[in-house]
Amino acid sequence: MAALKAITNKLNRDSDAIKGNRNSINNSLQNKTGDINPGPVLEGLNTVPGRHNLLLVTLEKLLSIDSLDVVEVLTQTSDLVARALYADKVDIFLYQPEIEALVAMGVSHTPVGRKQKELGLDVLYLQNNGRTVGVYQDQKSFITGHAEDDPEQLVGVVNGLGIHSIISVPLYVTNQLRGVVEATAIATDAFSEYDLRFLEAVTGWVSIILHRTELIQERLREAREEIWRATAEDLITIIAHDLRNYFTPIGGRLTLLRNRAVEDARTLDLREVESLENSFKHLNRLVNNLLDVTRLEQGSMSIKKELVDVSELVKDVANVFNSPINPVKVEITGMPGDLRVAADPLHLRQALENLVANALNHSPREAEVILKISFNKNPAEKKEQWVTIEVEDCGPGINPDALAHIFERFVKHPGSLGLGLGLYISREIARAHGGTLTVETPLDKGRGTRFFLSLPVS
């Protein structure tokens, strides 16, 4: 309980640290963006009485926005721009690729802005075209004082909202097209070319503010994840150590029950004991994985190499996992007789058992898991010889998006029964031996996954 309380206190302190870091991150990013010049769009505004001062006041207010929420930041920005341009509505549209639409993430708090949401005009699908979509696709600013005469304009904008004047500017963030900033008014000819230049200047600063907010969000998200990960690892390590204290007596009891069942020829009881032993082995493997993660992170995992007969090791692991429900078979190709590699037999077995257990976990009932042993040469080092152990299953395969994270800690995939540590540990064991662990999954679903554990032959 004392250890758990200490972890809880640490989590609370780290959470407070995140809140405190928010201002330092914000100030750091603001200092970086403070030196950025909106560019040549300011030229010409100096000649209009009051325009340059209005721009500077607006920019000063934009930079004083204190929020970490993108929608809140863009909404406040829309309100400021609407007041500066005397617009009936200002929108900041961001492109959402998952729905192929421009979505008004920032809408000014005005009657027309509220009506736009009621009419569903805050989401503009690219397939429906329209002037705003055209500005985004053509990447060119636009101005009109008579939207009713524009054949590209959406009917809902003119008839539903009563808009007549529009100025639109494409929005870039770090040189990437992200959306459109648009000001609209009910009156005709409400905006001038100087207003368009003003909006272009403001849009440049909107880009900076949006980028700053997204950077802060990303940094805080990473900080939270790191804190939760560290806390979870501390907690799991404590639990794993405590569980190990009970494993020896439990294992001894199971052995005693097995011997009594054999002596008394109690076949049914023997099957139950075997089932319990298999579950106990699975639990033991989970706890060992948890403790190994800690050792790997601390650099204290000891690799004690000796000459290991790879074929015999693979066959032994296959026999342990082989069953009528899920057969495990071994295929050997191109292997010289009695091939031995310098490896830690216990850790190599652990890596292989993790791979086989993972394959069985994702294989349908009565589907084979095949272990293939091959002898080859490393393509990068033609003189160096390698032995590769391939573990192939008949499962549904791995989503391509998940492949990039499959060897990360605590990453679980659909159908996983473990804690998301087995593949991570297996890869680290392979690396500790100077080897590699890679994965391939066919594009066609239902064709399974193949893991390749390759080790150099000394």
Protein backbone atom coordinates (compact mmCIF):
# COMPACT_ATOMS: atom_id res chain seq x y z
CA MET A 1 0.00 0.00 0.00
CA ALA A 2 2.87 2.38 0.79
CA ALA A 3 4.36 1.77 -2.65
CA LEU A 4 1.03 2.40 -4.36
CA LYS A 5 0.57 5.61 -2.37
CA ALA A 6 4.03 6.77 -3.40
CA ILE A 7 3.21 6.14 -7.05
CA THR A 8 -0.07 8.05 -6.73
CA ASN A 9 1.72 11.02 -5.16
CA LYS A 10 4.30 10.94 -7.95
CA LEU A 11 1.54 10.96 -10.56
CA ASN A 12 -0.11 13.97 -8.93
CA ARG A 13 3.20 15.85 -8.80
CA ASP A 14 3.93 15.07 -12.44
CA SER A 15 0.43 16.18 -13.46
CA ASP A 16 1.04 19.51 -11.70
CA ALA A 17 4.34 19.75 -13.52
CA ILE A 18 2.53 19.40 -16.84
CA LYS A 19 0.26 22.31 -15.96
CA GLY A 20 3.27 24.37 -14.95
CA ASN A 21 5.12 23.52 -18.15
CA ARG A 22 2.20 24.79 -20.21
CA ASN A 23 3.23 28.43 -19.71
CA SER A 24 6.91 27.77 -20.37
CA ILE A 25 6.10 25.87 -23.57
CA ASN A 26 3.69 28.59 -24.64
CA ASN A 27 6.21 31.36 -23.94
CA SER A 28 8.96 29.48 -25.76
CA LEU A 29 6.84 29.01 -28.85
CA GLN A 30 5.50 32.56 -28.69
CA ASN A 31 9.06 33.91 -28.56
CA LYS A 32 9.85 31.92 -31.68
CA THR A 33 6.78 33.13 -33.54
CA GLY A 34 7.20 36.70 -32.33
CA ASP A 35 10.03 37.28 -34.79
CA ILE A 36 8.00 36.12 -37.80
CA ASN A 37 6.97 38.82 -40.26
CA PRO A 38 3.57 38.42 -41.95
CA GLY A 39 5.39 39.29 -45.16
CA PRO A 40 4.68 41.60 -48.06
CA VAL A 41 0.92 41.52 -47.41
CA LEU A 42 1.48 44.43 -45.01
CA GLU A 43 2.70 46.59 -47.84
CA GLY A 44 -0.03 48.98 -48.91
CA LEU A 45 -1.82 48.86 -45.58
CA ASN A 46 0.51 51.59 -44.29
CA THR A 47 -0.99 54.02 -46.80
CA VAL A 48 -4.53 53.59 -45.48
CA PRO A 49 -5.26 55.76 -42.42
CA GLY A 50 -5.91 53.58 -39.35
CA ARG A 51 -5.52 50.27 -41.20
CA HIS A 52 -1.98 49.54 -40.06
CA ASN A 53 -2.79 50.39 -36.45
CA LEU A 54 -5.91 48.22 -36.64
CA LEU A 55 -3.83 45.34 -37.91
CA LEU A 56 -1.28 45.70 -35.12
CA VAL A 57 -4.00 45.89 -32.46
CA THR A 58 -5.70 42.81 -33.91
CA LEU A 59 -2.43 40.89 -34.04
CA GLU A 60 -1.63 41.86 -30.46
CA LYS A 61 -4.99 40.50 -29.33
CA LEU A 62 -4.51 37.33 -31.37
CA LEU A 63 -1.20 36.60 -29.67
CA SER A 64 -2.74 37.15 -26.24
CA ILE A 65 -5.25 34.31 -26.73
CA ASP A 66 -4.60 31.86 -23.88
CA SER A 67 -6.09 28.48 -24.66
CA LEU A 68 -4.84 25.02 -25.56
CA ASP A 69 -8.01 24.00 -27.38
CA VAL A 70 -7.83 24.45 -31.16
CA VAL A 71 -11.55 25.16 -31.53
CA GLU A 72 -11.50 27.75 -28.73
CA VAL A 73 -8.42 29.45 -30.20
CA LEU A 74 -9.93 29.63 -33.69
CA THR A 75 -13.31 30.79 -32.35
CA GLN A 76 -11.70 33.66 -30.43
CA THR A 77 -9.71 34.50 -33.54
CA SER A 78 -12.89 34.59 -35.63
CA ASP A 79 -14.51 36.98 -33.14
CA LEU A 80 -11.52 39.34 -33.25
CA VAL A 81 -11.40 39.40 -37.05
CA ALA A 82 -15.17 39.88 -37.30
CA ARG A 83 -14.98 42.96 -35.08
CA ALA A 84 -12.01 44.36 -36.99
CA LEU A 85 -13.72 43.98 -40.38
CA TYR A 86 -17.26 44.72 -39.18
CA ALA A 87 -18.20 41.37 -40.70
CA ASP A 88 -21.44 39.53 -40.03
CA LYS A 89 -19.53 36.25 -39.89
CA VAL A 90 -15.94 35.02 -39.96
CA ASP A 91 -15.08 31.35 -40.44
CA ILE A 92 -11.82 29.48 -40.15
CA PHE A 93 -12.30 26.29 -42.15
CA LEU A 94 -9.87 23.38 -41.73
CA TYR A 95 -9.77 20.48 -44.15
CA GLN A 96 -10.70 17.12 -42.61
CA PRO A 97 -9.39 14.37 -44.92
CA GLU A 98 -11.39 11.59 -43.25
CA ILE A 99 -14.64 13.14 -44.49
CA GLU A 100 -13.15 15.11 -47.42
CA ALA A 101 -14.70 18.36 -46.24
CA LEU A 102 -13.86 21.83 -44.98
CA VAL A 103 -15.11 22.13 -41.41
CA ALA A 104 -15.59 25.51 -39.71
CA MET A 105 -13.48 24.94 -36.59
CA GLY A 106 -13.70 28.62 -35.70
CA VAL A 107 -16.97 30.52 -36.18
CA SER A 108 -17.63 34.04 -34.88
CA HIS A 109 -20.31 34.42 -32.20
CA THR A 110 -22.70 36.36 -34.42
CA PRO A 111 -26.33 35.79 -35.47
CA VAL A 112 -25.22 34.77 -38.96
CA GLY A 113 -22.57 32.46 -37.49
CA ARG A 114 -25.17 30.72 -35.35
CA LYS A 115 -27.58 30.45 -38.29
CA GLN A 116 -24.84 28.90 -40.41
CA LYS A 117 -24.54 26.02 -37.95
CA GLU A 118 -28.31 25.56 -37.89
CA LEU A 119 -28.35 25.22 -41.69
CA GLY A 120 -25.40 22.82 -41.70
CA LEU A 121 -23.24 25.17 -43.74
CA ASP A 122 -20.35 24.83 -41.30
CA VAL A 123 -19.33 21.62 -43.09
CA LEU A 124 -18.54 22.02 -46.80
CA TYR A 125 -17.92 18.75 -48.65
CA LEU A 126 -15.48 19.08 -51.52
CA GLN A 127 -17.74 17.09 -53.83
CA ASN A 128 -20.45 19.78 -53.48
CA ASN A 129 -18.05 22.45 -54.77
CA GLY A 130 -18.97 26.06 -53.94
CA ARG A 131 -16.87 29.21 -53.81
CA THR A 132 -15.17 28.44 -50.47
CA VAL A 133 -14.16 24.99 -51.71
CA GLY A 134 -12.91 26.66 -54.89
CA VAL A 135 -10.66 29.00 -52.91
CA TYR A 136 -9.22 25.98 -51.11
CA GLN A 137 -8.67 23.98 -54.28
CA ASP A 138 -7.40 26.88 -56.42
CA GLN A 139 -5.32 28.28 -53.53
CA LYS A 140 -6.19 31.85 -54.54
CA SER A 141 -7.78 34.66 -52.54
CA PHE A 142 -11.25 35.83 -53.56
CA ILE A 143 -13.38 38.94 -53.10
CA THR A 144 -16.90 39.84 -54.20
CA GLY A 145 -19.54 42.35 -53.18
CA HIS A 146 -22.33 40.54 -55.03
CA ALA A 147 -22.30 36.87 -54.11
CA GLU A 148 -25.79 36.53 -55.59
CA ASP A 149 -24.23 36.97 -59.05
CA ASP A 150 -21.53 34.34 -58.49
CA PRO A 151 -22.50 31.07 -60.24
CA GLU A 152 -20.02 29.13 -58.07
CA GLN A 153 -21.62 30.24 -54.81
CA LEU A 154 -23.76 27.80 -52.82
CA VAL A 155 -27.47 28.66 -52.82
CA GLY A 156 -27.65 28.23 -49.05
CA VAL A 157 -25.04 30.93 -48.47
CA VAL A 158 -26.95 33.52 -50.48
CA ASN A 159 -30.58 32.57 -49.85
CA GLY A 160 -30.21 30.91 -46.45
CA LEU A 161 -27.76 33.32 -44.82
CA GLY A 162 -28.39 36.35 -46.99
CA ILE A 163 -24.69 36.85 -47.68
CA HIS A 164 -23.66 39.29 -50.42
CA SER A 165 -20.06 40.27 -49.62
CA ILE A 166 -17.27 37.73 -49.22
CA ILE A 167 -13.49 37.77 -48.85
CA SER A 168 -11.71 34.41 -48.67
CA VAL A 169 -8.04 33.54 -48.17
CA PRO A 170 -6.37 30.08 -48.31
CA LEU A 171 -4.79 29.08 -45.00
CA TYR A 172 -1.33 27.55 -44.89
CA VAL A 173 0.40 26.09 -41.83
CA THR A 174 4.13 25.41 -42.18
CA ASN A 175 3.77 25.69 -45.97
CA GLN A 176 0.99 23.09 -46.02
CA LEU A 177 -2.50 24.01 -47.24
CA ARG A 178 -4.85 23.46 -44.30
CA GLY A 179 -8.04 25.38 -45.03
CA VAL A 180 -9.67 28.78 -45.67
CA VAL A 181 -10.22 31.94 -43.63
CA GLU A 182 -13.38 33.71 -44.77
CA ALA A 183 -15.21 36.91 -43.79
CA THR A 184 -18.77 37.56 -44.98
CA ALA A 185 -21.31 40.37 -44.73
CA ILE A 186 -24.98 40.78 -45.55
CA ALA A 187 -24.49 44.21 -47.14
CA THR A 188 -23.31 44.51 -50.72
CA ASP A 189 -19.80 45.82 -51.45
CA ALA A 190 -18.98 45.63 -47.73
CA PHE A 191 -15.29 44.84 -48.28
CA SER A 192 -12.53 46.57 -50.21
CA GLU A 193 -9.24 45.36 -51.64
CA TYR A 194 -7.59 46.74 -48.50
CA ASP A 195 -9.88 44.52 -46.41
CA LEU A 196 -8.73 41.56 -48.46
CA ARG A 197 -5.09 42.51 -47.85
CA PHE A 198 -5.88 42.91 -44.17
CA LEU A 199 -7.42 39.40 -44.05
CA GLU A 200 -4.39 37.97 -45.86
CA ALA A 201 -2.11 39.52 -43.24
CA VAL A 202 -4.26 38.22 -40.40
CA THR A 203 -4.39 34.75 -42.00
CA GLY A 204 -0.60 34.61 -41.87
CA TRP A 205 -0.77 35.14 -38.12
CA VAL A 206 -3.65 32.70 -37.76
CA SER A 207 -1.30 30.13 -39.29
CA ILE A 208 1.32 30.88 -36.62
CA ILE A 209 -1.20 30.74 -33.78
CA LEU A 210 -2.72 27.48 -35.02
CA HIS A 211 0.70 25.91 -35.41
CA ARG A 212 1.72 27.06 -31.93
CA THR A 213 -1.45 25.62 -30.38
CA GLU A 214 -1.02 22.28 -32.14
CA LEU A 215 2.61 22.07 -31.04
CA ILE A 216 1.66 22.74 -27.42
CA GLN A 217 -1.09 20.10 -27.59
CA GLU A 218 1.33 17.57 -29.04
CA ARG A 219 4.00 18.25 -26.41
CA LEU A 220 1.51 18.03 -23.56
CA ARG A 221 0.06 14.83 -24.97
CA GLU A 222 3.52 13.29 -25.14
CA ALA A 223 4.25 14.43 -21.58
CA ARG A 224 1.01 12.88 -20.29
CA GLU A 225 1.68 9.62 -22.10
CA GLU A 226 5.21 9.45 -20.72
CA ILE A 227 4.01 10.07 -17.16
CA TRP A 228 1.26 7.46 -17.39
CA ARG A 229 3.64 4.98 -19.00
CA ALA A 230 6.25 5.47 -16.27
CA THR A 231 3.61 5.17 -13.55
CA ALA A 232 2.16 2.03 -15.12
CA GLU A 233 5.60 0.46 -15.37
CA ASP A 234 6.36 1.20 -11.71
CA LEU A 235 3.03 -0.23 -10.60
CA ILE A 236 3.31 -3.32 -12.81
CA THR A 237 6.84 -4.04 -11.61
CA ILE A 238 5.71 -3.98 -7.97
CA ILE A 239 2.78 -6.28 -8.71
CA ALA A 240 4.97 -8.67 -10.74
CA HIS A 241 7.51 -8.99 -7.92
CA ASP A 242 4.73 -9.65 -5.42
CA LEU A 243 3.17 -12.32 -7.65
CA ARG A 244 6.47 -14.15 -8.03
CA ASN A 245 6.50 -14.77 -4.27
CA TYR A 246 3.45 -17.04 -4.70
CA PHE A 247 4.65 -18.92 -7.81
CA THR A 248 6.95 -21.41 -6.08
CA PRO A 249 4.34 -22.79 -3.66
CA ILE A 250 1.66 -22.85 -6.39
CA GLY A 251 3.98 -24.71 -8.76
CA GLY A 252 4.85 -27.18 -6.00
CA ARG A 253 1.17 -27.82 -5.24
CA LEU A 254 0.40 -28.47 -8.90
CA THR A 255 3.26 -30.96 -9.15
CA LEU A 256 1.97 -32.73 -6.03
CA LEU A 257 -1.56 -32.91 -7.45
CA ARG A 258 -0.22 -34.28 -10.75
CA ASN A 259 1.79 -37.03 -8.99
CA ARG A 260 -1.22 -38.08 -6.90
CA ALA A 261 -3.46 -38.18 -9.96
CA VAL A 262 -0.94 -40.36 -11.79
CA GLU A 263 -0.51 -42.72 -8.83
CA ASP A 264 -4.26 -43.15 -8.39
CA ALA A 265 -4.89 -43.40 -12.16
CA ARG A 266 -7.39 -40.53 -11.98
CA THR A 267 -7.41 -39.61 -15.68
CA LEU A 268 -10.03 -36.87 -15.39
CA ASP A 269 -8.19 -35.18 -12.52
CA LEU A 270 -4.93 -35.45 -14.45
CA ARG A 271 -6.48 -33.55 -17.37
CA GLU A 272 -7.67 -30.83 -15.02
CA VAL A 273 -4.19 -30.54 -13.49
CA GLU A 274 -2.64 -30.30 -16.96
CA SER A 275 -5.07 -27.51 -17.81
CA LEU A 276 -4.13 -25.70 -14.62
CA GLU A 277 -0.43 -26.15 -15.39
CA ASN A 278 -0.87 -24.64 -18.85
CA SER A 279 -2.67 -21.63 -17.36
CA PHE A 280 0.04 -21.32 -14.71
CA LYS A 281 2.73 -21.37 -17.40
CA HIS A 282 0.90 -18.61 -19.27
CA LEU A 283 0.68 -16.52 -16.09
CA ASN A 284 4.34 -17.20 -15.33
CA ARG A 285 5.27 -16.04 -18.84
CA LEU A 286 3.31 -12.80 -18.37
CA VAL A 287 5.02 -12.03 -15.08
CA ASN A 288 8.46 -12.83 -16.51
CA ASN A 289 7.73 -10.49 -19.41
CA LEU A 290 6.83 -7.73 -16.98
CA LEU A 291 10.05 -8.16 -15.05
CA ASP A 292 12.09 -8.41 -18.24
CA VAL A 293 10.74 -5.06 -19.42
CA THR A 294 12.15 -3.49 -16.28
CA ARG A 295 15.50 -5.22 -16.78
CA LEU A 296 15.63 -4.09 -20.41
CA GLU A 297 14.86 -0.49 -19.48
CA GLN A 298 17.54 -0.55 -16.77
CA GLY A 299 20.05 -2.33 -19.01
CA SER A 300 20.40 -5.13 -16.46
CA MET A 301 19.28 -8.08 -18.60
CA SER A 302 22.14 -10.56 -18.65
CA ILE A 303 22.87 -12.48 -21.86
CA LYS A 304 24.92 -15.62 -21.14
CA LYS A 305 25.88 -17.12 -24.47
CA GLU A 306 26.72 -20.73 -25.15
CA LEU A 307 26.55 -22.96 -28.21
CA VAL A 308 22.89 -23.74 -28.88
CA ASP A 309 21.51 -26.31 -31.33
CA VAL A 310 18.86 -24.20 -33.06
CA SER A 311 17.01 -27.12 -34.63
CA GLU A 312 16.65 -28.95 -31.31
CA LEU A 313 15.53 -25.77 -29.54
CA VAL A 314 12.87 -25.05 -32.16
CA LYS A 315 11.62 -28.65 -32.11
CA ASP A 316 11.42 -28.59 -28.31
CA VAL A 317 9.39 -25.35 -28.30
CA ALA A 318 7.10 -26.78 -31.00
CA ASN A 319 6.48 -29.91 -28.89
CA VAL A 320 5.58 -27.80 -25.87
CA PHE A 321 2.93 -25.85 -27.77
CA ASN A 322 1.73 -28.59 -30.13
CA SER A 323 -1.84 -29.80 -29.57
CA PRO A 324 -4.71 -31.29 -31.59
CA ILE A 325 -6.53 -27.95 -31.31
CA ASN A 326 -3.64 -26.00 -32.84
CA PRO A 327 -0.86 -28.14 -34.38
CA VAL A 328 2.64 -26.67 -34.37
CA LYS A 329 4.93 -28.08 -37.07
CA VAL A 330 8.61 -27.63 -37.88
CA GLU A 331 10.14 -27.33 -41.36
CA ILE A 332 13.93 -27.25 -41.91
CA THR A 333 15.41 -26.11 -45.22
CA GLY A 334 19.03 -25.65 -46.27
CA MET A 335 20.40 -26.29 -42.79
CA PRO A 336 23.76 -28.02 -42.27
CA GLY A 337 23.64 -30.80 -39.73
CA ASP A 338 24.13 -29.96 -36.07
CA LEU A 339 24.18 -26.17 -36.62
CA ARG A 340 24.88 -24.29 -33.40
CA VAL A 341 24.83 -20.59 -32.68
CA ALA A 342 26.26 -18.61 -29.79
CA ALA A 343 23.18 -17.56 -27.83
CA ASP A 344 21.58 -17.46 -24.41
CA PRO A 345 19.39 -20.58 -24.53
CA LEU A 346 16.90 -19.36 -21.93
CA HIS A 347 16.33 -15.95 -23.53
CA LEU A 348 16.30 -17.36 -27.05
CA ARG A 349 13.68 -19.86 -25.95
CA GLN A 350 11.72 -17.04 -24.33
CA ALA A 351 11.74 -15.02 -27.55
CA LEU A 352 10.63 -18.00 -29.60
CA GLU A 353 7.92 -18.98 -27.10
CA ASN A 354 6.54 -15.44 -27.21
CA LEU A 355 6.34 -15.61 -31.00
CA VAL A 356 4.66 -19.02 -31.01
CA ALA A 357 2.21 -18.02 -28.27
CA ASN A 358 1.36 -14.90 -30.27
CA ALA A 359 0.80 -16.98 -33.43
CA LEU A 360 -1.48 -19.43 -31.62
CA ASN A 361 -3.35 -16.54 -30.05
CA HIS A 362 -4.29 -15.18 -33.47
CA SER A 363 -4.88 -18.50 -35.27
CA PRO A 364 -8.33 -20.04 -35.74
CA ARG A 365 -9.08 -23.40 -34.14
CA GLU A 366 -7.25 -26.38 -35.71
CA ALA A 367 -5.14 -24.06 -37.89
CA GLU A 368 -1.46 -24.88 -38.13
CA VAL A 369 1.37 -22.76 -36.87
CA ILE A 370 4.56 -23.51 -38.81
CA LEU A 371 8.12 -22.96 -37.60
CA LYS A 372 10.58 -22.80 -40.47
CA ILE A 373 14.34 -22.89 -39.97
CA SER A 374 16.58 -21.73 -42.81
CA PHE A 375 20.26 -21.03 -43.29
CA ASN A 376 21.25 -18.04 -45.40
CA LYS A 377 23.54 -15.08 -45.77
CA ASN A 378 22.87 -11.55 -44.64
CA PRO A 379 22.30 -9.48 -47.82
CA ALA A 380 24.21 -6.54 -46.32
CA GLU A 381 27.17 -8.67 -45.24
CA LYS A 382 27.67 -11.37 -47.86
CA LYS A 383 30.35 -13.12 -45.84
CA GLU A 384 28.29 -13.41 -42.68
CA GLN A 385 26.01 -16.41 -42.30
CA TRP A 386 22.63 -16.22 -40.60
CA VAL A 387 20.06 -18.65 -39.32
CA THR A 388 16.42 -17.54 -39.54
CA ILE A 389 13.50 -18.93 -37.57
CA GLU A 390 10.20 -18.08 -39.25
CA VAL A 391 6.94 -18.28 -37.30
CA GLU A 392 3.92 -18.38 -39.60
CA ASP A 393 0.26 -18.40 -38.56
CA CYS A 394 -3.07 -18.57 -40.40
CA GLY A 395 -4.69 -15.67 -38.60
CA PRO A 396 -6.39 -12.56 -40.00
CA GLY A 397 -3.13 -10.68 -40.50
CA ILE A 398 -2.11 -7.30 -39.12
CA ASN A 399 -3.56 -3.99 -40.16
CA PRO A 400 -0.86 -2.08 -42.11
CA ASP A 401 -1.42 0.96 -39.88
CA ALA A 402 -0.52 -1.14 -36.82
CA LEU A 403 2.72 -2.55 -38.22
CA ALA A 404 4.72 0.54 -37.28
CA HIS A 405 3.84 0.09 -33.59
CA ILE A 406 3.72 -3.70 -33.28
CA PHE A 407 7.04 -3.96 -31.40
CA GLU A 408 6.29 -1.17 -28.93
CA ARG A 409 5.64 -1.76 -25.23
CA PHE A 410 2.08 -2.22 -23.98
CA VAL A 411 0.69 -2.07 -27.51
CA LYS A 412 -2.18 -4.53 -27.79
CA HIS A 413 -3.83 -5.50 -31.03
CA PRO A 414 -7.28 -6.99 -31.65
CA GLY A 415 -7.45 -10.54 -30.28
CA SER A 416 -4.41 -10.18 -28.00
CA LEU A 417 -4.68 -11.91 -24.63
CA GLY A 418 -1.43 -10.63 -23.11
CA LEU A 419 -0.20 -7.24 -21.98
CA GLY A 420 1.39 -6.18 -25.26
CA LEU A 421 4.96 -6.99 -24.14
CA GLY A 422 5.88 -10.30 -25.80
CA LEU A 423 6.84 -8.94 -29.21
CA TYR A 424 8.73 -6.02 -27.69
CA ILE A 425 10.78 -8.35 -25.48
CA SER A 426 11.41 -10.81 -28.34
CA ARG A 427 12.79 -8.03 -30.53
CA GLU A 428 15.05 -6.75 -27.73
CA ILE A 429 16.37 -10.28 -27.13
CA ALA A 430 17.12 -10.61 -30.85
CA ARG A 431 18.96 -7.27 -30.80
CA ALA A 432 20.94 -8.33 -27.72
CA HIS A 433 22.21 -11.28 -29.78
CA GLY A 434 23.15 -9.04 -32.72
CA GLY A 435 20.12 -10.29 -34.62
CA THR A 436 16.83 -8.93 -35.89
CA LEU A 437 13.12 -9.57 -35.56
CA THR A 438 10.93 -8.48 -38.46
CA VAL A 439 7.35 -9.06 -39.53
CA GLU A 440 5.45 -9.48 -42.78
CA THR A 441 1.71 -9.63 -43.27
CA PRO A 442 0.02 -10.18 -46.65
CA LEU A 443 -2.23 -7.50 -48.05
CA ASP A 444 -4.91 -10.15 -48.55
CA LYS A 445 -6.81 -10.65 -45.29
CA GLY A 446 -6.97 -14.14 -43.84
CA ARG A 447 -3.53 -15.21 -45.03
CA GLY A 448 -1.75 -14.87 -41.73
CA THR A 449 1.41 -13.22 -40.45
CA ARG A 450 5.08 -14.21 -40.53
CA PHE A 451 7.72 -13.21 -37.99
CA PHE A 452 11.42 -13.67 -38.86
CA LEU A 453 13.89 -14.12 -36.00
CA SER A 454 17.38 -13.95 -37.54
CA LEU A 455 20.64 -14.59 -35.69
CA PRO A 456 24.24 -14.39 -36.92
CA VAL A 457 26.17 -17.63 -36.97
CA SER A 458 29.52 -17.10 -35.30
